[in-house]
Amino acid sequence: MAYRLLVSIEVIEFIERLPVKTREALRFAIHSIGRAPLGRFDALHRDAIGR
C-alpha cells in the first residue's frame, strides 16, 4: 500500500532555515515515517482496509 505524509508548508519553510545536518536528519525521519507509517500513529481506530 502506498502512503503519503502531508506536511504543512510552514513546516517545510521552518526546516529549510535549519542547519544542514539538522535539516537532513529531519528529512530522513520524515521520509522513514512516510515509508512505513504503521506503528507510528496515535489513532485509536482503523478504517475498513486497516489504515
Protein backbone atom coordinates (compact mmCIF):
# COMPACT_ATOMS: atom_id res chain seq x y z
CA MET A 1 0.00 0.00 0.00
CA ALA A 2 1.35 3.46 -0.87
CA TYR A 3 1.24 6.15 1.81
CA ARG A 4 1.62 9.92 1.70
CA LEU A 5 2.61 12.12 4.57
CA LEU A 6 1.04 15.58 4.48
CA VAL A 7 3.33 18.26 5.85
CA SER A 8 2.36 21.90 6.23
CA ILE A 9 4.24 24.46 4.11
CA GLU A 10 5.15 26.24 7.36
CA VAL A 11 6.95 23.10 8.49
CA ILE A 12 8.85 22.90 5.19
CA GLU A 13 9.83 26.58 5.45
CA PHE A 14 10.98 26.08 9.04
CA ILE A 15 13.07 23.04 8.11
CA GLU A 16 14.70 24.98 5.25
CA ARG A 17 16.03 27.55 7.76
CA LEU A 18 17.73 24.95 9.97
CA PRO A 19 21.42 24.00 9.80
CA VAL A 20 22.19 21.41 7.12
CA LYS A 21 22.82 18.47 9.49
CA THR A 22 19.61 19.10 11.40
CA ARG A 23 17.66 19.55 8.16
CA GLU A 24 18.98 16.27 6.74
CA ALA A 25 18.16 14.41 9.97
CA LEU A 26 14.60 15.74 9.97
CA ARG A 27 14.11 14.91 6.29
CA PHE A 28 15.37 11.38 6.90
CA ALA A 29 12.94 10.98 9.81
CA ILE A 30 10.03 12.34 7.76
CA HIS A 31 10.86 10.03 4.85
CA SER A 32 11.10 7.00 7.14
CA ILE A 33 7.67 7.76 8.60
CA GLY A 34 6.27 8.10 5.07
CA ARG A 35 7.81 4.77 4.00
CA ALA A 36 6.44 2.77 6.94
CA PRO A 37 3.79 4.69 8.91
CA LEU A 38 2.18 1.70 10.61
CA GLY A 39 3.06 1.67 14.27
CA ARG A 40 3.89 5.40 14.21
CA PHE A 41 0.47 6.90 14.76
CA ASP A 42 -1.79 7.77 17.63
CA ALA A 43 -5.14 6.97 16.02
CA LEU A 44 -7.30 4.58 18.00
CA HIS A 45 -9.45 3.32 15.13
CA ARG A 46 -8.64 1.95 11.68
CA ASP A 47 -10.76 2.08 8.56
CA ALA A 48 -12.09 -0.97 6.70
CA ILE A 49 -8.77 -1.66 4.94
CA GLY A 50 -6.60 -1.19 8.02
CA ARG A 51 -5.29 2.36 7.59
